[in-house]
Protein backbone atom coordinates (compact mmCIF):
# COMPACT_ATOMS: atom_id res chain seq x y z
CA MET A 1 219.88 -34.71 -56.96
CA ALA A 2 223.37 -33.62 -58.06
CA GLN A 3 222.81 -29.89 -58.21
CA PRO A 4 222.44 -27.73 -55.08
CA VAL A 5 218.94 -26.70 -54.09
CA HIS A 6 217.90 -23.05 -54.11
CA LEU A 7 214.97 -22.01 -51.90
CA SER A 8 212.54 -19.07 -51.97
CA PHE A 9 210.70 -18.49 -48.69
CA GLY A 10 207.29 -16.83 -48.61
CA GLY A 11 205.82 -14.50 -46.04
CA CYS A 12 205.29 -16.26 -42.73
CA GLY A 13 205.40 -13.78 -39.87
CA PHE A 14 206.36 -15.61 -36.69
CA LEU A 15 205.86 -19.00 -38.35
CA LEU A 16 209.33 -18.97 -39.88
CA ALA A 17 209.91 -22.15 -37.86
CA PHE A 18 208.26 -24.02 -40.75
CA HIS A 19 210.88 -22.64 -43.14
CA ILE A 20 213.61 -23.65 -40.68
CA GLY A 21 212.27 -27.21 -40.78
CA VAL A 22 212.37 -27.28 -44.58
CA ALA A 23 215.96 -26.01 -44.57
CA LYS A 24 216.96 -28.54 -41.89
CA TYR A 25 215.68 -31.40 -44.02
CA MET A 26 217.43 -30.15 -47.15
CA ARG A 27 220.70 -29.62 -45.30
CA ARG A 28 220.53 -33.04 -43.67
CA HIS A 29 220.18 -34.58 -47.11
CA GLY A 30 223.16 -32.70 -48.50
CA VAL A 31 221.40 -30.51 -51.05
CA LEU A 32 221.91 -27.19 -49.26
CA THR A 33 225.52 -26.37 -50.05
CA ALA A 34 227.84 -23.37 -50.25
CA ALA A 35 226.51 -22.90 -53.79
CA SER A 36 222.84 -22.73 -52.73
CA ARG A 37 220.97 -19.47 -53.26
CA PHE A 38 218.13 -18.10 -51.17
CA ALA A 39 215.29 -15.60 -51.54
CA GLY A 40 212.65 -14.41 -49.12
CA ALA A 41 209.75 -12.06 -48.57
CA SER A 42 208.55 -10.70 -45.24
CA GLY A 43 209.36 -13.18 -42.45
CA GLY A 44 210.76 -15.55 -45.05
CA SER A 45 213.52 -13.03 -45.78
CA LEU A 46 214.88 -13.56 -42.25
CA VAL A 47 215.38 -17.27 -42.92
CA ALA A 48 216.80 -16.65 -46.40
CA ALA A 49 219.35 -14.17 -45.05
CA SER A 50 220.30 -16.46 -42.16
CA LEU A 51 221.01 -19.31 -44.57
CA ALA A 52 222.93 -17.11 -46.99
CA TYR A 53 225.18 -15.81 -44.21
CA GLY A 54 225.68 -19.21 -42.61
CA ILE A 55 223.81 -18.57 -39.36
CA PRO A 56 223.14 -21.97 -37.71
CA LEU A 57 219.49 -22.95 -37.96
CA ALA A 58 219.41 -23.84 -34.26
CA VAL A 59 220.45 -20.27 -33.45
CA VAL A 60 217.77 -18.85 -35.76
CA LEU A 61 215.12 -20.96 -34.03
CA GLU A 62 216.27 -19.98 -30.54
CA GLU A 63 216.27 -16.29 -31.45
CA THR A 64 212.78 -16.69 -32.91
CA LYS A 65 211.60 -18.23 -29.64
CA ALA A 66 213.33 -15.53 -27.60
CA THR A 67 211.64 -12.80 -29.64
CA ALA A 68 208.25 -14.51 -29.31
CA THR A 69 208.71 -14.91 -25.55
CA LEU A 70 209.69 -11.26 -25.12
CA LEU A 71 206.67 -10.10 -27.10
CA HIS A 72 204.28 -12.19 -25.00
CA GLU A 73 205.90 -10.97 -21.78
CA ASP A 74 205.47 -7.35 -22.85
CA ILE A 75 201.85 -7.98 -23.80
CA ARG A 76 201.13 -9.56 -20.41
CA ALA A 77 202.84 -6.67 -18.62
CA SER A 78 200.79 -4.08 -20.47
CA LYS A 79 197.28 -3.17 -19.40
CA ARG A 80 196.46 -2.57 -23.07
CA GLY A 81 197.55 -6.01 -24.27
CA LEU A 82 199.05 -6.06 -27.77
CA LEU A 83 198.21 -2.38 -28.23
CA GLY A 84 200.37 -1.56 -25.23
CA ALA A 85 203.40 -3.51 -26.40
CA LYS A 86 206.18 -1.83 -28.33
CA ASN A 87 205.73 -1.81 -32.09
CA LEU A 88 206.76 -5.01 -33.83
CA ALA A 89 209.59 -3.30 -35.70
CA GLY A 90 211.60 -3.20 -32.48
CA TYR A 91 211.21 -6.94 -31.92
CA VAL A 92 212.21 -7.76 -35.48
CA TYR A 93 215.21 -5.42 -35.28
CA ARG A 94 216.29 -7.16 -32.08
CA HIS A 95 216.07 -10.50 -33.90
CA ILE A 96 218.17 -9.21 -36.81
CA ASP A 97 220.75 -7.55 -34.56
CA ALA A 98 221.22 -10.74 -32.54
CA LEU A 99 221.69 -12.96 -35.60
CA PHE A 100 223.98 -11.13 -37.99
CA PRO A 101 227.61 -10.16 -37.39
CA ASP A 102 229.10 -6.70 -37.77
CA PRO A 103 230.98 -6.22 -40.03
CA LEU A 104 228.83 -8.26 -42.35
CA PRO A 105 230.73 -10.81 -44.46
CA VAL A 106 230.75 -10.37 -48.22
CA LEU A 107 228.54 -12.85 -50.07
CA HIS A 108 230.61 -14.06 -52.99
CA PRO A 109 228.74 -15.77 -55.84
CA SER A 110 229.82 -19.27 -56.72
CA THR A 111 232.51 -19.43 -59.41
CA SER A 112 230.14 -21.59 -61.45
CA ASP A 113 227.03 -19.51 -60.71
CA PRO A 114 227.20 -15.70 -60.95
CA LEU A 115 223.66 -15.15 -59.63
CA PRO A 116 223.27 -13.49 -56.19
CA ARG A 117 223.36 -15.71 -53.11
CA LEU A 118 220.56 -13.73 -51.43
CA VAL A 119 217.47 -11.92 -52.70
CA VAL A 120 215.28 -9.91 -50.31
CA ALA A 121 211.92 -8.86 -51.73
CA THR A 122 210.13 -5.61 -50.91
CA THR A 123 207.08 -4.01 -52.50
CA GLU A 124 207.36 -0.51 -53.92
CA VAL A 125 204.02 1.27 -53.44
CA PHE A 126 205.04 4.78 -54.56
CA PRO A 127 205.64 6.21 -57.11
CA ARG A 128 204.71 2.89 -58.77
CA LEU A 129 203.50 -0.51 -57.66
CA ARG A 130 205.96 -3.36 -58.16
CA THR A 131 208.00 -6.03 -56.40
CA VAL A 132 211.68 -5.15 -55.98
CA HIS A 133 214.49 -7.66 -55.37
CA TRP A 134 217.52 -6.51 -53.35
CA SER A 135 220.73 -8.52 -53.55
CA SER A 136 223.61 -6.24 -52.54
CA PHE A 137 224.27 -5.49 -48.86
CA ALA A 138 227.50 -3.65 -48.08
CA THR A 139 226.91 -3.40 -44.34
CA LYS A 140 224.86 -4.98 -41.59
CA ASN A 141 222.76 -1.82 -41.54
CA ASP A 142 222.01 -2.22 -45.26
CA LEU A 143 220.85 -5.78 -44.66
CA ALA A 144 218.82 -4.81 -41.59
CA ASN A 145 217.03 -2.02 -43.46
CA ALA A 146 216.11 -4.34 -46.34
CA LEU A 147 214.84 -7.03 -43.96
CA LEU A 148 212.83 -4.54 -41.90
CA ILE A 149 211.14 -3.18 -45.02
CA SER A 150 210.47 -6.70 -46.30
CA CYS A 151 208.77 -7.51 -42.97
CA HIS A 152 206.78 -4.25 -42.89
CA VAL A 153 203.18 -5.43 -42.73
CA PRO A 154 201.31 -2.17 -43.43
CA TRP A 155 200.17 -0.40 -40.25
CA TYR A 156 200.60 -3.54 -38.12
CA PHE A 157 204.41 -3.44 -38.14
CA ASP A 158 204.94 0.02 -36.67
CA GLY A 159 201.73 1.97 -37.27
CA THR A 160 202.77 3.23 -40.71
CA PRO A 161 201.77 1.94 -44.17
CA ALA A 162 205.26 1.96 -45.71
CA ARG A 163 208.85 3.16 -45.34
CA GLN A 164 210.72 5.63 -47.50
CA ILE A 165 213.96 4.39 -49.06
CA ALA A 166 216.69 6.74 -47.85
CA GLY A 167 217.79 9.27 -50.45
CA THR A 168 214.88 8.53 -52.79
CA LYS A 169 211.20 9.35 -53.26
CA GLN A 170 210.31 5.66 -53.21
CA TRP A 171 208.12 4.12 -50.53
CA HIS A 172 208.28 0.37 -49.90
CA THR A 173 206.41 -2.09 -47.73
CA ASP A 174 206.01 -5.84 -47.07
CA GLY A 175 207.80 -7.95 -49.66
CA GLY A 176 204.96 -10.45 -49.98
CA LEU A 177 202.26 -7.93 -50.87
CA LEU A 178 202.20 -8.70 -54.62
CA GLN A 179 204.14 -11.97 -54.72
CA PHE A 180 203.73 -13.96 -51.53
CA VAL A 181 206.74 -16.11 -52.42
CA PRO A 182 209.47 -14.35 -54.42
CA ASP A 183 209.53 -15.62 -57.99
CA VAL A 184 213.21 -16.32 -58.58
CA PRO A 185 214.40 -18.69 -61.34
CA ASP A 186 215.51 -22.17 -60.20
CA HIS A 187 214.30 -21.59 -56.61
CA ILE A 188 211.86 -24.01 -54.98
CA PRO A 189 209.00 -22.02 -53.40
CA VAL A 190 208.36 -22.60 -49.67
CA ASN A 191 205.06 -21.40 -48.17
CA VAL A 192 203.69 -22.07 -44.68
CA PHE A 193 200.19 -21.09 -45.85
CA PRO A 194 198.43 -23.93 -47.77
CA LEU A 195 196.61 -21.60 -50.14
CA PRO A 196 194.02 -23.41 -52.28
CA TRP A 197 195.20 -21.82 -55.55
CA MET A 198 198.84 -22.74 -54.90
CA ASN A 199 200.65 -25.20 -57.16
CA LYS A 200 201.18 -28.06 -54.69
CA ARG A 201 203.54 -30.02 -56.92
CA ARG A 202 205.88 -27.04 -57.24
CA THR A 203 205.72 -25.65 -53.69
CA ILE A 204 206.82 -27.06 -50.33
CA SER A 205 203.91 -26.33 -48.01
CA PRO A 206 201.61 -27.99 -45.45
CA LEU A 207 199.55 -29.29 -48.40
CA TRP A 208 202.09 -32.13 -48.49
CA ILE A 209 201.19 -33.17 -44.92
CA HIS A 210 198.25 -35.57 -44.71
CA GLY A 211 195.72 -34.30 -42.18
CA PHE A 212 197.58 -31.07 -41.39
CA PRO A 213 195.61 -29.91 -38.34
CA ILE A 214 195.96 -26.12 -38.45
CA SER A 215 193.41 -23.99 -40.30
CA LEU A 216 194.42 -21.14 -42.58
CA ALA A 217 192.73 -18.71 -40.17
CA GLN A 218 194.80 -20.00 -37.23
CA LEU A 219 197.99 -19.85 -39.28
CA SER A 220 197.23 -16.21 -40.07
CA ARG A 221 196.68 -15.39 -36.39
CA TRP A 222 199.92 -17.09 -35.34
CA ALA A 223 201.85 -15.35 -38.11
CA LEU A 224 200.91 -12.00 -36.56
CA LEU A 225 201.10 -13.04 -32.91
CA PRO A 226 203.38 -16.02 -32.23
CA PRO A 227 202.17 -19.30 -30.75
CA PRO A 228 203.84 -20.89 -27.69
CA ASN A 229 207.39 -22.11 -28.19
CA ASP A 230 206.38 -25.78 -28.18
CA VAL A 231 204.12 -25.03 -31.15
CA LEU A 232 207.02 -23.35 -32.94
CA ASP A 233 209.01 -26.55 -32.38
CA GLN A 234 206.17 -28.49 -33.97
CA PHE A 235 206.26 -26.21 -37.01
CA VAL A 236 209.90 -27.18 -37.48
CA VAL A 237 208.80 -30.83 -37.53
CA TRP A 238 206.03 -30.03 -40.01
CA GLY A 239 208.53 -28.22 -42.24
CA GLU A 240 210.72 -31.32 -42.28
CA GLU A 241 207.71 -33.54 -43.02
CA ALA A 242 206.57 -31.34 -45.90
CA ALA A 243 210.07 -31.24 -47.37
CA HIS A 244 210.35 -35.03 -47.11
CA ALA A 245 207.00 -35.54 -48.85
CA TYR A 246 207.95 -33.06 -51.58
CA VAL A 247 211.35 -34.65 -52.19
CA THR A 248 210.11 -38.24 -52.23
CA SER A 249 207.31 -37.33 -54.66
CA SER A 250 209.32 -35.10 -56.96
CA ALA A 251 210.41 -36.38 -60.35
CA GLU A 252 213.35 -33.98 -60.11
CA TRP A 253 214.79 -36.13 -57.33
CA ASN A 254 213.49 -39.49 -58.47
CA GLY A 255 214.24 -39.30 -62.14
């Protein structure tokens, strides 16, 4: 495939390791380039932003594991379990703060492609209901705020249903609420959840893996409360396997 690949990552919670695996495969095969564009909703926005800003995938995975480990340690230390741990917003902010530099580099569009290098999806819930795509981030704080809103699972994230956009009357929440995978032209959708109504031929997902052993219910539980780190490593492998199956079966690659 001569043209660079553009990827759109769906909501995934703590299972962003699957997305990392997909990106690893695409990079290893030379189709993720400096001209590639990325989009993401919810946990997928963290991977999209990391790729757009050139954060090494190994670093993203290690920070994901560190965040998961810290959350489990806090749960074990609390007599109230998950209810006694700090709200998830703090863990996600820690992840963002560790990954992205300050000052934040400017994302310049390719000279041959004026479209934005990064799209972060959020869902406006007031005063109207719609998906919003953000693509301009002047500072690290701007990026962090967009990512935190995109990851804002109502009530579960920090006990509130939504966040108000500073200086406006708009309230936004999780970016995957209306569109689980951001619908961006020319982007290949990536989804860790093998939803039965999903277009398998168009989407990189576990549906490409023969005998994928994890149920949709278990995936949902792990998205909200991370699995052990060795399981996260396995999700990277599954992401690579799904990407390989997609690429080898796709007419776009095979003519």
